[in-house]
Amino acid sequence: MLSEEEIQERAKYCYLVAYQLSCLRSRELANPAHYLEVLEKSSLRLTEDEFILMTMEHEFRMGSTDCGLDYLTALYEGFAHAYCEVMEKQLASIRDQIPGDFLDKLAAEMDH
């Protein structure tokens, strides 16, 4: 069984993934094929996550207009909420522990 600290770290990671994907989604790139190029700049190394990479590539091949970003964002946000539920904490308590400058850095990585 995972310790509360491990669960909290997973909740934080899932929140950060959802946050960074939502920043990418807000860019509204004309060509979704560029999403993976932008994600290569992620300090979370999102293009190294096989699930994210496989999902986005599959959605692109299927003609999805957002390469699955809505799905992935909702999924990781859901994971973060589920971990918080296990710990009986609000997601806001996890979010508030993340330094604002780190969130700014993650957002800026999606702006290039």
PDB file of N, CA and C in Angstrom:
ATOM      1  N   MET A   1       0.836  -1.175   0.000  1.00  0.00           N
ATOM      2  CA  MET A   1       0.000   0.000   0.000  1.00  0.00           C
ATOM      3  C   MET A   1       0.883   1.242   0.000  1.00  0.00           C
ATOM      4  N   LEU A   2       0.456   2.259  -0.704  1.00  0.00           N
ATOM      5  CA  LEU A   2       1.208   3.508  -0.779  1.00  0.00           C
ATOM      6  C   LEU A   2       1.070   4.303   0.513  1.00  0.00           C
ATOM      7  N   SER A   3       2.149   4.985   0.868  1.00  0.00           N
ATOM      8  CA  SER A   3       2.083   5.872   2.023  1.00  0.00           C
ATOM      9  C   SER A   3       1.322   7.137   1.624  1.00  0.00           C
ATOM     10  N   GLU A   4       0.890   7.896   2.616  1.00  0.00           N
ATOM     11  CA  GLU A   4       0.178   9.133   2.315  1.00  0.00           C
ATOM     12  C   GLU A   4       1.076  10.092   1.530  1.00  0.00           C
ATOM     13  N   GLU A   5       2.354  10.101   1.841  1.00  0.00           N
ATOM     14  CA  GLU A   5       3.289  10.971   1.116  1.00  0.00           C
ATOM     15  C   GLU A   5       3.373  10.577  -0.363  1.00  0.00           C
ATOM     16  N   GLU A   6       3.412   9.273  -0.644  1.00  0.00           N
ATOM     17  CA  GLU A   6       3.452   8.803  -2.036  1.00  0.00           C
ATOM     18  C   GLU A   6       2.155   9.150  -2.774  1.00  0.00           C
ATOM     19  N   ILE A   7       1.045   9.008  -2.102  1.00  0.00           N
ATOM     20  CA  ILE A   7      -0.254   9.354  -2.703  1.00  0.00           C
ATOM     21  C   ILE A   7      -0.302  10.852  -2.991  1.00  0.00           C
ATOM     22  N   GLN A   8       0.192  11.649  -2.047  1.00  0.00           N
ATOM     23  CA  GLN A   8       0.200  13.092  -2.230  1.00  0.00           C
ATOM     24  C   GLN A   8       1.102  13.482  -3.406  1.00  0.00           C
ATOM     25  N   GLU A   9       2.252  12.838  -3.552  1.00  0.00           N
ATOM     26  CA  GLU A   9       3.148  13.125  -4.679  1.00  0.00           C
ATOM     27  C   GLU A   9       2.492  12.761  -6.009  1.00  0.00           C
ATOM     28  N   ARG A  10       1.769  11.678  -6.033  1.00  0.00           N
ATOM     29  CA  ARG A  10       1.060  11.285  -7.261  1.00  0.00           C
ATOM     30  C   ARG A  10      -0.060  12.259  -7.585  1.00  0.00           C
ATOM     31  N   ALA A  11      -0.762  12.704  -6.558  1.00  0.00           N
ATOM     32  CA  ALA A  11      -1.819  13.698  -6.765  1.00  0.00           C
ATOM     33  C   ALA A  11      -1.222  14.979  -7.335  1.00  0.00           C
ATOM     34  N   LYS A  12      -0.107  15.395  -6.776  1.00  0.00           N
ATOM     35  CA  LYS A  12       0.564  16.613  -7.244  1.00  0.00           C
ATOM     36  C   LYS A  12       1.018  16.446  -8.693  1.00  0.00           C
ATOM     37  N   TYR A  13       1.622  15.310  -9.012  1.00  0.00           N
ATOM     38  CA  TYR A  13       2.079  15.070 -10.383  1.00  0.00           C
ATOM     39  C   TYR A  13       0.905  15.093 -11.354  1.00  0.00           C
ATOM     40  N   CYS A  14      -0.171  14.423 -11.019  1.00  0.00           N
ATOM     41  CA  CYS A  14      -1.341  14.391 -11.902  1.00  0.00           C
ATOM     42  C   CYS A  14      -1.924  15.785 -12.081  1.00  0.00           C
ATOM     43  N   TYR A  15      -1.956  16.554 -11.018  1.00  0.00           N
ATOM     44  CA  TYR A  15      -2.422  17.935 -11.123  1.00  0.00           C
ATOM     45  C   TYR A  15      -1.531  18.727 -12.074  1.00  0.00           C
ATOM     46  N   LEU A  16      -0.209  18.569 -11.932  1.00  0.00           N
ATOM     47  CA  LEU A  16       0.731  19.302 -12.783  1.00  0.00           C
ATOM     48  C   LEU A  16       0.604  18.894 -14.247  1.00  0.00           C
ATOM     49  N   VAL A  17       0.400  17.608 -14.502  1.00  0.00           N
ATOM     50  CA  VAL A  17       0.202  17.144 -15.876  1.00  0.00           C
ATOM     51  C   VAL A  17      -1.062  17.782 -16.454  1.00  0.00           C
ATOM     52  N   ALA A  18      -2.150  17.730 -15.706  1.00  0.00           N
ATOM     53  CA  ALA A  18      -3.406  18.334 -16.171  1.00  0.00           C
ATOM     54  C   ALA A  18      -3.225  19.833 -16.400  1.00  0.00           C
ATOM     55  N   TYR A  19      -2.510  20.491 -15.518  1.00  0.00           N
ATOM     56  CA  TYR A  19      -2.271  21.928 -15.647  1.00  0.00           C
ATOM     57  C   TYR A  19      -1.487  22.231 -16.923  1.00  0.00           C
ATOM     58  N   GLN A  20      -0.404  21.503 -17.139  1.00  0.00           N
ATOM     59  CA  GLN A  20       0.420  21.782 -18.307  1.00  0.00           C
ATOM     60  C   GLN A  20      -0.308  21.443 -19.607  1.00  0.00           C
ATOM     61  N   LEU A  21      -1.060  20.355 -19.618  1.00  0.00           N
ATOM     62  CA  LEU A  21      -1.836  20.019 -20.812  1.00  0.00           C
ATOM     63  C   LEU A  21      -2.902  21.075 -21.084  1.00  0.00           C
ATOM     64  N   SER A  22      -3.509  21.618 -20.026  1.00  0.00           N
ATOM     65  CA  SER A  22      -4.519  22.654 -20.238  1.00  0.00           C
ATOM     66  C   SER A  22      -3.868  23.936 -20.760  1.00  0.00           C
ATOM     67  N   CYS A  23      -2.639  24.217 -20.339  1.00  0.00           N
ATOM     68  CA  CYS A  23      -1.911  25.374 -20.885  1.00  0.00           C
ATOM     69  C   CYS A  23      -1.645  25.171 -22.372  1.00  0.00           C
ATOM     70  N   LEU A  24      -1.272  23.972 -22.749  1.00  0.00           N
ATOM     71  CA  LEU A  24      -1.042  23.672 -24.161  1.00  0.00           C
ATOM     72  C   LEU A  24      -2.346  23.809 -24.940  1.00  0.00           C
ATOM     73  N   ARG A  25      -3.411  23.271 -24.401  1.00  0.00           N
ATOM     74  CA  ARG A  25      -4.711  23.331 -25.067  1.00  0.00           C
ATOM     75  C   ARG A  25      -5.138  24.781 -25.279  1.00  0.00           C
ATOM     76  N   SER A  26      -4.837  25.656 -24.352  1.00  0.00           N
ATOM     77  CA  SER A  26      -5.250  27.057 -24.469  1.00  0.00           C
ATOM     78  C   SER A  26      -4.493  27.801 -25.570  1.00  0.00           C
ATOM     79  N   ARG A  27      -3.411  27.232 -26.053  1.00  0.00           N
ATOM     80  CA  ARG A  27      -2.652  27.874 -27.143  1.00  0.00           C
ATOM     81  C   ARG A  27      -3.412  27.833 -28.458  1.00  0.00           C
ATOM     82  N   GLU A  28      -4.281  26.860 -28.632  1.00  0.00           N
ATOM     83  CA  GLU A  28      -5.073  26.716 -29.851  1.00  0.00           C
ATOM     84  C   GLU A  28      -4.203  26.768 -31.103  1.00  0.00           C
ATOM     85  N   LEU A  29      -3.232  25.893 -31.169  1.00  0.00           N
ATOM     86  CA  LEU A  29      -2.387  25.794 -32.354  1.00  0.00           C
ATOM     87  C   LEU A  29      -3.226  25.410 -33.557  1.00  0.00           C
ATOM     88  N   ALA A  30      -2.912  25.974 -34.687  1.00  0.00           N
ATOM     89  CA  ALA A  30      -3.666  25.674 -35.905  1.00  0.00           C
ATOM     90  C   ALA A  30      -3.514  24.220 -36.308  1.00  0.00           C
ATOM     91  N   ASN A  31      -2.345  23.659 -36.063  1.00  0.00           N
ATOM     92  CA  ASN A  31      -2.084  22.272 -36.444  1.00  0.00           C
ATOM     93  C   ASN A  31      -1.766  21.453 -35.192  1.00  0.00           C
ATOM     94  N   PRO A  32      -2.656  20.552 -34.790  1.00  0.00           N
ATOM     95  CA  PRO A  32      -2.421  19.758 -33.574  1.00  0.00           C
ATOM     96  C   PRO A  32      -1.167  18.890 -33.649  1.00  0.00           C
ATOM     97  N   ALA A  33      -0.644  18.668 -34.838  1.00  0.00           N
ATOM     98  CA  ALA A  33       0.586  17.883 -34.963  1.00  0.00           C
ATOM     99  C   ALA A  33       1.737  18.550 -34.219  1.00  0.00           C
ATOM    100  N   HIS A  34       1.644  19.844 -33.999  1.00  0.00           N
ATOM    101  CA  HIS A  34       2.706  20.570 -33.297  1.00  0.00           C
ATOM    102  C   HIS A  34       2.637  20.402 -31.777  1.00  0.00           C
ATOM    103  N   TYR A  35       1.547  19.853 -31.282  1.00  0.00           N
ATOM    104  CA  TYR A  35       1.426  19.661 -29.838  1.00  0.00           C
ATOM    105  C   TYR A  35       2.577  18.825 -29.277  1.00  0.00           C
ATOM    106  N   LEU A  36       2.921  17.750 -29.944  1.00  0.00           N
ATOM    107  CA  LEU A  36       4.004  16.899 -29.445  1.00  0.00           C
ATOM    108  C   LEU A  36       5.340  17.634 -29.457  1.00  0.00           C
ATOM    109  N   GLU A  37       5.554  18.475 -30.459  1.00  0.00           N
ATOM    110  CA  GLU A  37       6.782  19.272 -30.504  1.00  0.00           C
ATOM    111  C   GLU A  37       6.856  20.204 -29.305  1.00  0.00           C
ATOM    112  N   VAL A  38       5.747  20.838 -28.989  1.00  0.00           N
ATOM    113  CA  VAL A  38       5.711  21.750 -27.843  1.00  0.00           C
ATOM    114  C   VAL A  38       5.901  20.969 -26.546  1.00  0.00           C
ATOM    115  N   LEU A  39       5.263  19.811 -26.449  1.00  0.00           N
ATOM    116  CA  LEU A  39       5.377  19.010 -25.226  1.00  0.00           C
ATOM    117  C   LEU A  39       6.794  18.511 -24.973  1.00  0.00           C
ATOM    118  N   GLU A  40       7.616  18.449 -25.994  1.00  0.00           N
ATOM    119  CA  GLU A  40       9.013  18.042 -25.794  1.00  0.00           C
ATOM    120  C   GLU A  40       9.749  19.020 -24.890  1.00  0.00           C
ATOM    121  N   LYS A  41       9.240  20.231 -24.748  1.00  0.00           N
ATOM    122  CA  LYS A  41       9.848  21.251 -23.881  1.00  0.00           C
ATOM    123  C   LYS A  41       9.406  21.109 -22.426  1.00  0.00           C
ATOM    124  N   SER A  42       8.518  20.175 -22.159  1.00  0.00           N
ATOM    125  CA  SER A  42       7.972  20.007 -20.811  1.00  0.00           C
ATOM    126  C   SER A  42       9.019  19.495 -19.834  1.00  0.00           C
ATOM    127  N   SER A  43       9.203  20.232 -18.755  1.00  0.00           N
ATOM    128  CA  SER A  43      10.120  19.765 -17.708  1.00  0.00           C
ATOM    129  C   SER A  43       9.535  18.567 -16.965  1.00  0.00           C
ATOM    130  N   LEU A  44       8.246  18.299 -17.181  1.00  0.00           N
ATOM    131  CA  LEU A  44       7.629  17.085 -16.626  1.00  0.00           C
ATOM    132  C   LEU A  44       7.922  15.876 -17.512  1.00  0.00           C
ATOM    133  N   ARG A  45       8.569  16.116 -18.639  1.00  0.00           N
ATOM    134  CA  ARG A  45       8.943  15.091 -19.622  1.00  0.00           C
ATOM    135  C   ARG A  45       7.717  14.303 -20.094  1.00  0.00           C
ATOM    136  N   LEU A  46       6.694  15.028 -20.487  1.00  0.00           N
ATOM    137  CA  LEU A  46       5.441  14.389 -20.865  1.00  0.00           C
ATOM    138  C   LEU A  46       5.561  13.535 -22.125  1.00  0.00           C
ATOM    139  N   THR A  47       6.497  13.858 -23.018  1.00  0.00           N
ATOM    140  CA  THR A  47       6.647  13.023 -24.211  1.00  0.00           C
ATOM    141  C   THR A  47       7.354  11.709 -23.898  1.00  0.00           C
ATOM    142  N   GLU A  48       7.870  11.566 -22.692  1.00  0.00           N
ATOM    143  CA  GLU A  48       8.456  10.298 -22.268  1.00  0.00           C
ATOM    144  C   GLU A  48       7.412   9.381 -21.631  1.00  0.00           C
ATOM    145  N   ASP A  49       6.230   9.922 -21.379  1.00  0.00           N
ATOM    146  CA  ASP A  49       5.135   9.130 -20.817  1.00  0.00           C
ATOM    147  C   ASP A  49       4.473   8.383 -21.974  1.00  0.00           C
ATOM    148  N   GLU A  50       4.649   7.076 -22.006  1.00  0.00           N
ATOM    149  CA  GLU A  50       4.141   6.271 -23.119  1.00  0.00           C
ATOM    150  C   GLU A  50       2.638   6.399 -23.303  1.00  0.00           C
ATOM    151  N   PHE A  51       1.899   6.495 -22.217  1.00  0.00           N
ATOM    152  CA  PHE A  51       0.447   6.601 -22.323  1.00  0.00           C
ATOM    153  C   PHE A  51       0.044   7.909 -23.004  1.00  0.00           C
ATOM    154  N   ILE A  52       0.645   9.007 -22.569  1.00  0.00           N
ATOM    155  CA  ILE A  52       0.330  10.305 -23.167  1.00  0.00           C
ATOM    156  C   ILE A  52       0.730  10.311 -24.638  1.00  0.00           C
ATOM    157  N   LEU A  53       1.931   9.866 -24.922  1.00  0.00           N
ATOM    158  CA  LEU A  53       2.422   9.840 -26.296  1.00  0.00           C
ATOM    159  C   LEU A  53       1.547   8.963 -27.184  1.00  0.00           C
ATOM    160  N   MET A  54       1.240   7.758 -26.735  1.00  0.00           N
ATOM    161  CA  MET A  54       0.421   6.830 -27.515  1.00  0.00           C
ATOM    162  C   MET A  54      -0.982   7.405 -27.743  1.00  0.00           C
ATOM    163  N   THR A  55      -1.562   7.989 -26.717  1.00  0.00           N
ATOM    164  CA  THR A  55      -2.904   8.558 -26.833  1.00  0.00           C
ATOM    165  C   THR A  55      -2.926   9.703 -27.833  1.00  0.00           C
ATOM    166  N   MET A  56      -1.962  10.600 -27.719  1.00  0.00           N
ATOM    167  CA  MET A  56      -1.942  11.750 -28.627  1.00  0.00           C
ATOM    168  C   MET A  56      -1.688  11.318 -30.072  1.00  0.00           C
ATOM    169  N   GLU A  57      -0.773  10.384 -30.268  1.00  0.00           N
ATOM    170  CA  GLU A  57      -0.503   9.909 -31.625  1.00  0.00           C
ATOM    171  C   GLU A  57      -1.728   9.214 -32.216  1.00  0.00           C
ATOM    172  N   HIS A  58      -2.388   8.403 -31.406  1.00  0.00           N
ATOM    173  CA  HIS A  58      -3.593   7.710 -31.868  1.00  0.00           C
ATOM    174  C   HIS A  58      -4.685   8.718 -32.233  1.00  0.00           C
ATOM    175  N   GLU A  59      -4.921   9.672 -31.376  1.00  0.00           N
ATOM    176  CA  GLU A  59      -5.958  10.673 -31.620  1.00  0.00           C
ATOM    177  C   GLU A  59      -5.634  11.505 -32.861  1.00  0.00           C
ATOM    178  N   PHE A  60      -4.353  11.797 -33.077  1.00  0.00           N
ATOM    179  CA  PHE A  60      -3.967  12.539 -34.278  1.00  0.00           C
ATOM    180  C   PHE A  60      -4.270  11.724 -35.534  1.00  0.00           C
ATOM    181  N   ARG A  61      -3.897  10.436 -35.495  1.00  0.00           N
ATOM    182  CA  ARG A  61      -4.169   9.558 -36.649  1.00  0.00           C
ATOM    183  C   ARG A  61      -5.662   9.416 -36.915  1.00  0.00           C
ATOM    184  N   MET A  62      -6.463   9.483 -35.867  1.00  0.00           N
ATOM    185  CA  MET A  62      -7.912   9.355 -36.006  1.00  0.00           C
ATOM    186  C   MET A  62      -8.564  10.673 -36.424  1.00  0.00           C
ATOM    187  N   GLY A  63      -7.770  11.721 -36.549  1.00  0.00           N
ATOM    188  CA  GLY A  63      -8.302  13.001 -37.007  1.00  0.00           C
ATOM    189  C   GLY A  63      -8.864  13.895 -35.914  1.00  0.00           C
ATOM    190  N   SER A  64      -8.554  13.582 -34.673  1.00  0.00           N
ATOM    191  CA  SER A  64      -9.027  14.405 -33.559  1.00  0.00           C
ATOM    192  C   SER A  64      -8.488  15.826 -33.703  1.00  0.00           C
ATOM    193  N   THR A  65      -9.347  16.798 -33.489  1.00  0.00           N
ATOM    194  CA  THR A  65      -8.939  18.193 -33.643  1.00  0.00           C
ATOM    195  C   THR A  65      -8.042  18.682 -32.513  1.00  0.00           C
ATOM    196  N   ASP A  66      -7.987  17.948 -31.397  1.00  0.00           N
ATOM    197  CA  ASP A  66      -7.151  18.393 -30.277  1.00  0.00           C
ATOM    198  C   ASP A  66      -6.118  17.352 -29.846  1.00  0.00           C
ATOM    199  N   CYS A  67      -5.925  16.315 -30.652  1.00  0.00           N
ATOM    200  CA  CYS A  67      -4.955  15.250 -30.337  1.00  0.00           C
ATOM    201  C   CYS A  67      -5.218  14.609 -28.973  1.00  0.00           C
ATOM    202  N   GLY A  68      -6.437  14.658 -28.513  1.00  0.00           N
ATOM    203  CA  GLY A  68      -6.783  14.026 -27.241  1.00  0.00           C
ATOM    204  C   GLY A  68      -6.477  14.867 -26.013  1.00  0.00           C
ATOM    205  N   LEU A  69      -6.148  16.147 -26.187  1.00  0.00           N
ATOM    206  CA  LEU A  69      -5.802  16.979 -25.033  1.00  0.00           C
ATOM    207  C   LEU A  69      -6.945  17.106 -24.032  1.00  0.00           C
ATOM    208  N   ASP A  70      -8.174  17.270 -24.523  1.00  0.00           N
ATOM    209  CA  ASP A  70      -9.313  17.363 -23.594  1.00  0.00           C
ATOM    210  C   ASP A  70      -9.428  16.095 -22.762  1.00  0.00           C
ATOM    211  N   TYR A  71      -9.332  14.958 -23.423  1.00  0.00           N
ATOM    212  CA  TYR A  71      -9.421  13.662 -22.742  1.00  0.00           C
ATOM    213  C   TYR A  71      -8.304  13.515 -21.715  1.00  0.00           C
ATOM    214  N   LEU A  72      -7.067  13.756 -22.133  1.00  0.00           N
ATOM    215  CA  LEU A  72      -5.929  13.586 -21.230  1.00  0.00           C
ATOM    216  C   LEU A  72      -5.983  14.555 -20.057  1.00  0.00           C
ATOM    217  N   THR A  73      -6.381  15.787 -20.317  1.00  0.00           N
ATOM    218  CA  THR A  73      -6.477  16.773 -19.243  1.00  0.00           C
ATOM    219  C   THR A  73      -7.519  16.333 -18.212  1.00  0.00           C
ATOM    220  N   ALA A  74      -8.677  15.935 -18.689  1.00  0.00           N
ATOM    221  CA  ALA A  74      -9.735  15.480 -17.775  1.00  0.00           C
ATOM    222  C   ALA A  74      -9.313  14.223 -17.024  1.00  0.00           C
ATOM    223  N   LEU A  75      -8.634  13.322 -17.702  1.00  0.00           N
ATOM    224  CA  LEU A  75      -8.190  12.083 -17.067  1.00  0.00           C
ATOM    225  C   LEU A  75      -7.210  12.361 -15.925  1.00  0.00           C
ATOM    226  N   TYR A  76      -6.200  13.172 -16.193  1.00  0.00           N
ATOM    227  CA  TYR A  76      -5.205  13.451 -15.145  1.00  0.00           C
ATOM    228  C   TYR A  76      -5.790  14.298 -14.021  1.00  0.00           C
ATOM    229  N   GLU A  77      -6.705  15.182 -14.349  1.00  0.00           N
ATOM    230  CA  GLU A  77      -7.384  15.928 -13.298  1.00  0.00           C
ATOM    231  C   GLU A  77      -8.229  14.982 -12.443  1.00  0.00           C
ATOM    232  N   GLY A  78      -8.857  14.024 -13.102  1.00  0.00           N
ATOM    233  CA  GLY A  78      -9.634  13.016 -12.377  1.00  0.00           C
ATOM    234  C   GLY A  78      -8.751  12.167 -11.472  1.00  0.00           C
ATOM    235  N   PHE A  79      -7.565  11.790 -11.965  1.00  0.00           N
ATOM    236  CA  PHE A  79      -6.627  11.040 -11.126  1.00  0.00           C
ATOM    237  C   PHE A  79      -6.252  11.859  -9.890  1.00  0.00           C
ATOM    238  N   ALA A  80      -5.968  13.148 -10.093  1.00  0.00           N
ATOM    239  CA  ALA A  80      -5.590  14.003  -8.960  1.00  0.00           C
ATOM    240  C   ALA A  80      -6.719  14.057  -7.930  1.00  0.00           C
ATOM    241  N   HIS A  81      -7.944  14.206  -8.415  1.00  0.00           N
ATOM    242  CA  HIS A  81      -9.094  14.230  -7.494  1.00  0.00           C
ATOM    243  C   HIS A  81      -9.249  12.894  -6.769  1.00  0.00           C
ATOM    244  N   ALA A  82      -9.028  11.798  -7.477  1.00  0.00           N
ATOM    245  CA  ALA A  82      -9.156  10.474  -6.856  1.00  0.00           C
ATOM    246  C   ALA A  82      -8.117  10.289  -5.754  1.00  0.00           C
ATOM    247  N   TYR A  83      -6.877  10.690  -6.032  1.00  0.00           N
ATOM    248  CA  TYR A  83      -5.846  10.594  -4.990  1.00  0.00           C
ATOM    249  C   TYR A  83      -6.215  11.458  -3.790  1.00  0.00           C
ATOM    250  N   CYS A  84      -6.743  12.651  -4.039  1.00  0.00           N
ATOM    251  CA  CYS A  84      -7.158  13.529  -2.942  1.00  0.00           C
ATOM    252  C   CYS A  84      -8.290  12.905  -2.142  1.00  0.00           C
ATOM    253  N   GLU A  85      -9.206  12.258  -2.834  1.00  0.00           N
ATOM    254  CA  GLU A  85     -10.314  11.584  -2.154  1.00  0.00           C
ATOM    255  C   GLU A  85      -9.786  10.513  -1.200  1.00  0.00           C
ATOM    256  N   VAL A  86      -8.784   9.775  -1.656  1.00  0.00           N
ATOM    257  CA  VAL A  86      -8.188   8.730  -0.814  1.00  0.00           C
ATOM    258  C   VAL A  86      -7.581   9.347   0.446  1.00  0.00           C
ATOM    259  N   MET A  87      -6.952  10.509   0.279  1.00  0.00           N
ATOM    260  CA  MET A  87      -6.317  11.175   1.425  1.00  0.00           C
ATOM    261  C   MET A  87      -7.299  12.030   2.220  1.00  0.00           C
ATOM    262  N   GLU A  88      -8.546  12.129   1.718  1.00  0.00           N
ATOM    263  CA  GLU A  88      -9.566  12.965   2.334  1.00  0.00           C
ATOM    264  C   GLU A  88      -9.110  14.421   2.416  1.00  0.00           C
ATOM    265  N   LYS A  89      -8.557  14.894   1.284  1.00  0.00           N
ATOM    266  CA  LYS A  89      -8.108  16.279   1.159  1.00  0.00           C
ATOM    267  C   LYS A  89      -8.760  16.887  -0.070  1.00  0.00           C
ATOM    268  N   GLN A  90      -8.814  18.193  -0.090  1.00  0.00           N
ATOM    269  CA  GLN A  90      -9.287  18.917  -1.254  1.00  0.00           C
ATOM    270  C   GLN A  90      -8.117  19.109  -2.217  1.00  0.00           C
ATOM    271  N   LEU A  91      -8.406  19.101  -3.511  1.00  0.00           N
ATOM    272  CA  LEU A  91      -7.357  19.324  -4.504  1.00  0.00           C
ATOM    273  C   LEU A  91      -6.699  20.683  -4.292  1.00  0.00           C
ATOM    274  N   ALA A  92      -7.449  21.647  -3.813  1.00  0.00           N
ATOM    275  CA  ALA A  92      -6.896  22.982  -3.557  1.00  0.00           C
ATOM    276  C   ALA A  92      -5.733  22.921  -2.575  1.00  0.00           C
ATOM    277  N   SER A  93      -5.778  21.999  -1.617  1.00  0.00           N
ATOM    278  CA  SER A  93      -4.676  21.900  -0.645  1.00  0.00           C
ATOM    279  C   SER A  93      -3.395  21.409  -1.317  1.00  0.00           C
ATOM    280  N   ILE A  94      -3.535  20.564  -2.328  1.00  0.00           N
ATOM    281  CA  ILE A  94      -2.371  20.101  -3.092  1.00  0.00           C
ATOM    282  C   ILE A  94      -1.880  21.249  -3.975  1.00  0.00           C
ATOM    283  N   ARG A  95      -2.807  21.868  -4.682  1.00  0.00           N
ATOM    284  CA  ARG A  95      -2.465  22.970  -5.589  1.00  0.00           C
ATOM    285  C   ARG A  95      -1.759  24.095  -4.846  1.00  0.00           C
ATOM    286  N   ASP A  96      -2.232  24.413  -3.649  1.00  0.00           N
ATOM    287  CA  ASP A  96      -1.670  25.530  -2.891  1.00  0.00           C
ATOM    288  C   ASP A  96      -0.247  25.265  -2.410  1.00  0.00           C
ATOM    289  N   GLN A  97       0.183  24.016  -2.426  1.00  0.00           N
ATOM    290  CA  GLN A  97       1.549  23.673  -2.032  1.00  0.00           C
ATOM    291  C   GLN A  97       2.553  23.868  -3.169  1.00  0.00           C
ATOM    292  N   ILE A  98       2.045  24.074  -4.368  1.00  0.00           N
ATOM    293  CA  ILE A  98       2.911  24.212  -5.534  1.00  0.00           C
ATOM    294  C   ILE A  98       3.269  25.690  -5.694  1.00  0.00           C
ATOM    295  N   PRO A  99       4.564  25.994  -5.723  1.00  0.00           N
ATOM    296  CA  PRO A  99       4.964  27.402  -5.876  1.00  0.00           C
ATOM    297  C   PRO A  99       4.440  28.006  -7.185  1.00  0.00           C
ATOM    298  N   GLY A 100       3.949  29.213  -7.104  1.00  0.00           N
ATOM    299  CA  GLY A 100       3.416  29.901  -8.277  1.00  0.00           C
ATOM    300  C   GLY A 100       4.432  30.049  -9.386  1.00  0.00           C
ATOM    301  N   ASP A 101       5.708  30.265  -9.021  1.00  0.00           N
ATOM    302  CA  ASP A 101       6.723  30.412 -10.063  1.00  0.00           C
ATOM    303  C   ASP A 101       6.937  29.103 -10.828  1.00  0.00           C
ATOM    304  N   PHE A 102       6.719  27.972 -10.171  1.00  0.00           N
ATOM    305  CA  PHE A 102       6.830  26.688 -10.871  1.00  0.00           C
ATOM    306  C   PHE A 102       5.673  26.518 -11.856  1.00  0.00           C
ATOM    307  N   LEU A 103       4.468  26.920 -11.442  1.00  0.00           N
ATOM    308  CA  LEU A 103       3.320  26.865 -12.349  1.00  0.00           C
ATOM    309  C   LEU A 103       3.541  27.813 -13.526  1.00  0.00           C
ATOM    310  N   ASP A 104       4.110  28.980 -13.265  1.00  0.00           N
ATOM    311  CA  ASP A 104       4.421  29.918 -14.344  1.00  0.00           C
ATOM    312  C   ASP A 104       5.429  29.303 -15.316  1.00  0.00           C
ATOM    313  N   LYS A 105       6.405  28.590 -14.784  1.00  0.00           N
ATOM    314  CA  LYS A 105       7.411  27.941 -15.632  1.00  0.00           C
ATOM    315  C   LYS A 105       6.751  26.899 -16.524  1.00  0.00           C
ATOM    316  N   LEU A 106       5.868  26.082 -15.943  1.00  0.00           N
ATOM    317  CA  LEU A 106       5.181  25.064 -16.738  1.00  0.00           C
ATOM    318  C   LEU A 106       4.329  25.685 -17.843  1.00  0.00           C
ATOM    319  N   ALA A 107       3.657  26.784 -17.514  1.00  0.00           N
ATOM    320  CA  ALA A 107       2.839  27.470 -18.516  1.00  0.00           C
ATOM    321  C   ALA A 107       3.731  28.050 -19.615  1.00  0.00           C
ATOM    322  N   ALA A 108       4.852  28.647 -19.223  1.00  0.00           N
ATOM    323  CA  ALA A 108       5.755  29.256 -20.208  1.00  0.00           C
ATOM    324  C   ALA A 108       6.340  28.205 -21.158  1.00  0.00           C
ATOM    325  N   GLU A 109       6.564  27.011 -20.658  1.00  0.00           N
ATOM    326  CA  GLU A 109       7.098  25.955 -21.518  1.00  0.00           C
ATOM    327  C   GLU A 109       6.151  25.639 -22.666  1.00  0.00           C
ATOM    328  N   MET A 110       4.873  25.887 -22.475  1.00  0.00           N
ATOM    329  CA  MET A 110       3.880  25.605 -23.511  1.00  0.00           C
ATOM    330  C   MET A 110       3.668  26.791 -24.453  1.00  0.00           C
ATOM    331  N   ASP A 111       4.296  27.909 -24.147  1.00  0.00           N
ATOM    332  CA  ASP A 111       4.156  29.115 -24.969  1.00  0.00           C
ATOM    333  C   ASP A 111       5.194  29.224 -26.070  1.00  0.00           C
ATOM    334  N   HIS A 112       6.170  28.384 -26.057  1.00  0.00           N
ATOM    335  CA  HIS A 112       7.239  28.506 -27.068  1.00  0.00           C
ATOM    336  C   HIS A 112       6.888  27.772 -28.337  1.00  0.00           C
TER     337      HIS A 112
END
